[in-house]
N, C-alpha and C. Protein backbone atom coordinates (compact mmCIF):
# COMPACT_ATOMS: atom_id res chain seq x y z
N MET A 1 93.39 110.17 95.52
CA MET A 1 93.33 108.95 94.75
C MET A 1 92.13 109.00 93.80
N ASN A 2 90.97 109.37 94.31
CA ASN A 2 89.79 109.44 93.44
C ASN A 2 89.93 110.54 92.40
N GLY A 3 90.52 111.66 92.80
CA GLY A 3 90.71 112.74 91.85
C GLY A 3 91.62 112.35 90.71
N CYS A 4 92.66 111.62 91.01
CA CYS A 4 93.60 111.16 89.99
C CYS A 4 92.91 110.20 89.02
N SER A 5 92.13 109.28 89.55
CA SER A 5 91.42 108.32 88.70
C SER A 5 90.38 109.02 87.83
N THR A 6 89.67 109.97 88.42
CA THR A 6 88.66 110.71 87.66
C THR A 6 89.31 111.53 86.56
N PHE A 7 90.42 112.19 86.89
CA PHE A 7 91.10 112.99 85.88
C PHE A 7 91.61 112.13 84.73
N THR A 8 92.16 110.97 85.05
CA THR A 8 92.66 110.07 84.01
C THR A 8 91.53 109.63 83.09
N ALA A 9 90.38 109.30 83.67
CA ALA A 9 89.23 108.89 82.86
C ALA A 9 88.74 110.05 81.99
N LEU A 10 88.70 111.25 82.55
CA LEU A 10 88.27 112.43 81.78
C LEU A 10 89.24 112.71 80.64
N TRP A 11 90.53 112.64 80.92
CA TRP A 11 91.54 112.93 79.90
C TRP A 11 91.43 111.96 78.73
N ASP A 12 91.19 110.68 79.04
CA ASP A 12 91.00 109.67 77.98
C ASP A 12 89.71 109.92 77.23
N LEU A 13 88.66 110.32 77.93
CA LEU A 13 87.37 110.59 77.28
C LEU A 13 87.48 111.77 76.31
N LEU A 14 88.27 112.76 76.65
CA LEU A 14 88.42 113.93 75.78
C LEU A 14 88.99 113.55 74.42
N ASP A 15 89.76 112.48 74.35
CA ASP A 15 90.29 112.01 73.06
C ASP A 15 89.18 111.57 72.12
N LYS A 16 88.04 111.20 72.68
CA LYS A 16 86.94 110.67 71.88
C LYS A 16 85.85 111.69 71.58
N ARG A 17 85.97 112.88 72.13
CA ARG A 17 84.93 113.91 71.97
C ARG A 17 85.37 115.01 71.01
N THR A 18 84.41 115.57 70.33
CA THR A 18 84.67 116.71 69.45
C THR A 18 85.15 117.89 70.30
N GLY A 19 86.23 118.49 69.91
CA GLY A 19 86.78 119.62 70.64
C GLY A 19 87.63 119.22 71.83
N GLY A 20 87.81 117.93 72.04
CA GLY A 20 88.59 117.47 73.19
C GLY A 20 90.05 117.89 73.12
N ASP A 21 90.63 117.82 71.93
CA ASP A 21 92.04 118.22 71.79
C ASP A 21 92.22 119.71 72.06
N GLU A 22 91.26 120.52 71.60
CA GLU A 22 91.35 121.96 71.85
C GLU A 22 91.26 122.25 73.35
N PHE A 23 90.37 121.52 74.02
CA PHE A 23 90.24 121.70 75.46
C PHE A 23 91.55 121.33 76.17
N LYS A 24 92.15 120.22 75.77
CA LYS A 24 93.40 119.78 76.39
C LYS A 24 94.51 120.80 76.18
N GLN A 25 94.53 121.44 75.03
CA GLN A 25 95.56 122.45 74.75
C GLN A 25 95.43 123.67 75.66
N ARG A 26 94.21 123.95 76.13
CA ARG A 26 93.99 125.12 76.99
C ARG A 26 94.31 124.86 78.46
N VAL A 27 94.47 123.60 78.84
CA VAL A 27 94.77 123.28 80.24
C VAL A 27 96.20 123.73 80.55
N GLU A 28 96.32 124.53 81.58
CA GLU A 28 97.63 125.07 81.96
C GLU A 28 98.20 124.42 83.21
N GLY A 29 97.39 123.74 83.96
CA GLY A 29 97.88 123.10 85.18
C GLY A 29 96.76 122.43 85.94
N LEU A 30 97.13 121.67 86.94
CA LEU A 30 96.18 120.95 87.78
C LEU A 30 96.55 121.12 89.24
N LEU A 31 95.54 121.19 90.08
CA LEU A 31 95.75 121.21 91.52
C LEU A 31 94.94 120.08 92.13
N PHE A 32 95.58 119.30 92.96
CA PHE A 32 94.90 118.26 93.71
C PHE A 32 95.07 118.58 95.19
N ASP A 33 93.97 118.73 95.89
CA ASP A 33 94.02 119.02 97.32
C ASP A 33 93.79 117.72 98.07
N SER A 34 94.87 117.08 98.47
CA SER A 34 94.74 115.81 99.18
C SER A 34 95.61 115.75 100.43
N SER A 35 96.14 116.86 100.86
CA SER A 35 97.01 116.84 102.03
C SER A 35 96.34 117.57 103.17
N PRO A 36 96.54 117.23 104.36
CA PRO A 36 97.19 115.98 104.77
C PRO A 36 96.20 114.82 104.66
N ALA A 37 96.69 113.71 104.28
CA ALA A 37 95.85 112.53 104.14
C ALA A 37 96.66 111.30 104.52
N PHE A 38 96.05 110.44 105.29
CA PHE A 38 96.70 109.18 105.62
C PHE A 38 96.32 108.18 104.54
N THR A 39 97.29 107.65 103.88
CA THR A 39 97.04 106.60 102.89
C THR A 39 97.91 105.41 103.21
N THR A 40 97.37 104.25 102.97
CA THR A 40 98.13 103.03 103.20
C THR A 40 99.05 102.79 102.02
N PRO A 41 100.06 101.96 102.17
CA PRO A 41 100.92 101.63 101.03
C PRO A 41 100.12 101.04 99.86
N ALA A 42 99.09 100.26 100.16
CA ALA A 42 98.28 99.67 99.09
C ALA A 42 97.52 100.74 98.32
N GLN A 43 96.95 101.73 99.03
CA GLN A 43 96.22 102.80 98.36
C GLN A 43 97.15 103.64 97.48
N SER A 44 98.29 103.97 98.00
CA SER A 44 99.25 104.76 97.23
C SER A 44 99.72 104.01 96.00
N ALA A 45 100.02 102.74 96.16
CA ALA A 45 100.47 101.93 95.02
C ALA A 45 99.39 101.82 93.96
N HIS A 46 98.14 101.65 94.39
CA HIS A 46 97.04 101.55 93.44
C HIS A 46 96.87 102.85 92.66
N ALA A 47 96.87 103.97 93.36
CA ALA A 47 96.69 105.26 92.70
C ALA A 47 97.80 105.55 91.70
N LEU A 48 99.04 105.32 92.09
CA LEU A 48 100.16 105.61 91.20
C LEU A 48 100.20 104.68 90.00
N SER A 49 99.90 103.41 90.21
CA SER A 49 99.93 102.47 89.08
C SER A 49 98.81 102.77 88.10
N PHE A 50 97.65 103.15 88.61
CA PHE A 50 96.51 103.47 87.74
C PHE A 50 96.78 104.75 86.96
N ALA A 51 97.37 105.74 87.61
CA ALA A 51 97.66 107.00 86.93
C ALA A 51 98.79 106.85 85.92
N SER A 52 99.79 106.05 86.25
CA SER A 52 100.94 105.89 85.37
C SER A 52 100.66 104.97 84.18
N LEU A 53 99.84 103.96 84.41
CA LEU A 53 99.54 102.96 83.37
C LEU A 53 98.03 102.81 83.24
N PRO A 54 97.34 103.80 82.66
CA PRO A 54 95.87 103.74 82.59
C PRO A 54 95.37 102.55 81.76
N PRO A 55 94.20 102.03 82.11
CA PRO A 55 93.66 100.86 81.42
C PRO A 55 93.49 101.05 79.91
N ALA A 56 93.24 102.26 79.48
CA ALA A 56 93.04 102.51 78.05
C ALA A 56 94.32 102.28 77.25
N ARG A 57 95.46 102.36 77.91
CA ARG A 57 96.73 102.24 77.19
C ARG A 57 97.58 101.05 77.60
N CYS A 58 97.33 100.49 78.76
CA CYS A 58 98.22 99.44 79.28
C CYS A 58 97.42 98.22 79.73
N HIS A 59 97.98 97.07 79.50
CA HIS A 59 97.36 95.82 79.93
C HIS A 59 97.43 95.70 81.45
N ALA A 60 96.44 95.06 82.02
CA ALA A 60 96.37 94.92 83.48
C ALA A 60 97.57 94.20 84.07
N VAL A 61 98.17 93.29 83.31
CA VAL A 61 99.34 92.56 83.82
C VAL A 61 100.47 93.52 84.15
N PHE A 62 100.73 94.49 83.28
CA PHE A 62 101.79 95.46 83.54
C PHE A 62 101.44 96.36 84.72
N ARG A 63 100.18 96.83 84.75
CA ARG A 63 99.76 97.72 85.81
C ARG A 63 99.82 97.02 87.17
N GLU A 64 99.34 95.78 87.24
CA GLU A 64 99.33 95.06 88.51
C GLU A 64 100.74 94.69 88.96
N SER A 65 101.62 94.40 88.03
CA SER A 65 103.02 94.12 88.38
C SER A 65 103.68 95.36 88.95
N TYR A 66 103.43 96.49 88.31
CA TYR A 66 103.97 97.76 88.78
C TYR A 66 103.39 98.10 90.15
N ARG A 67 102.09 97.85 90.33
CA ARG A 67 101.44 98.11 91.61
C ARG A 67 102.08 97.27 92.72
N ALA A 68 102.39 96.02 92.42
CA ALA A 68 103.01 95.14 93.41
C ALA A 68 104.40 95.65 93.81
N LEU A 69 105.16 96.12 92.84
CA LEU A 69 106.49 96.68 93.15
C LEU A 69 106.37 97.94 94.00
N LEU A 70 105.43 98.81 93.63
CA LEU A 70 105.22 100.03 94.41
C LEU A 70 104.78 99.70 95.83
N TYR A 71 103.89 98.73 95.96
CA TYR A 71 103.41 98.33 97.28
C TYR A 71 104.56 97.84 98.15
N ALA A 72 105.41 97.03 97.58
CA ALA A 72 106.57 96.53 98.33
C ALA A 72 107.47 97.69 98.75
N TYR A 73 107.72 98.61 97.84
CA TYR A 73 108.58 99.76 98.14
C TYR A 73 107.97 100.61 99.25
N PHE A 74 106.68 100.96 99.12
CA PHE A 74 106.04 101.81 100.11
C PHE A 74 105.93 101.11 101.47
N SER A 75 105.80 99.81 101.46
CA SER A 75 105.71 99.06 102.72
C SER A 75 107.04 99.07 103.47
N ILE A 76 108.12 98.99 102.73
CA ILE A 76 109.45 98.97 103.33
C ILE A 76 109.88 100.37 103.77
N HIS A 77 109.58 101.37 102.97
CA HIS A 77 110.03 102.74 103.22
C HIS A 77 108.94 103.61 103.83
N LYS A 78 108.22 103.07 104.76
CA LYS A 78 107.11 103.81 105.35
C LYS A 78 107.58 104.84 106.34
């Protein structure tokens, strides 16, 4: 969850830095080592909504609505 948030913030920051686009073009893949990890439905919903609808591009109303839907889904399908 923290890695996803940090990566999203870094990716947005690169748009504002000199050479950021060139750096992004060189990225070939990402690895996140988070397994096995116990996460609650709330944590999973927060991470996915933040990664899918970052604050720099989406209003909080959309992100929080999406988070609520994800939370409900993860709570039911646990």
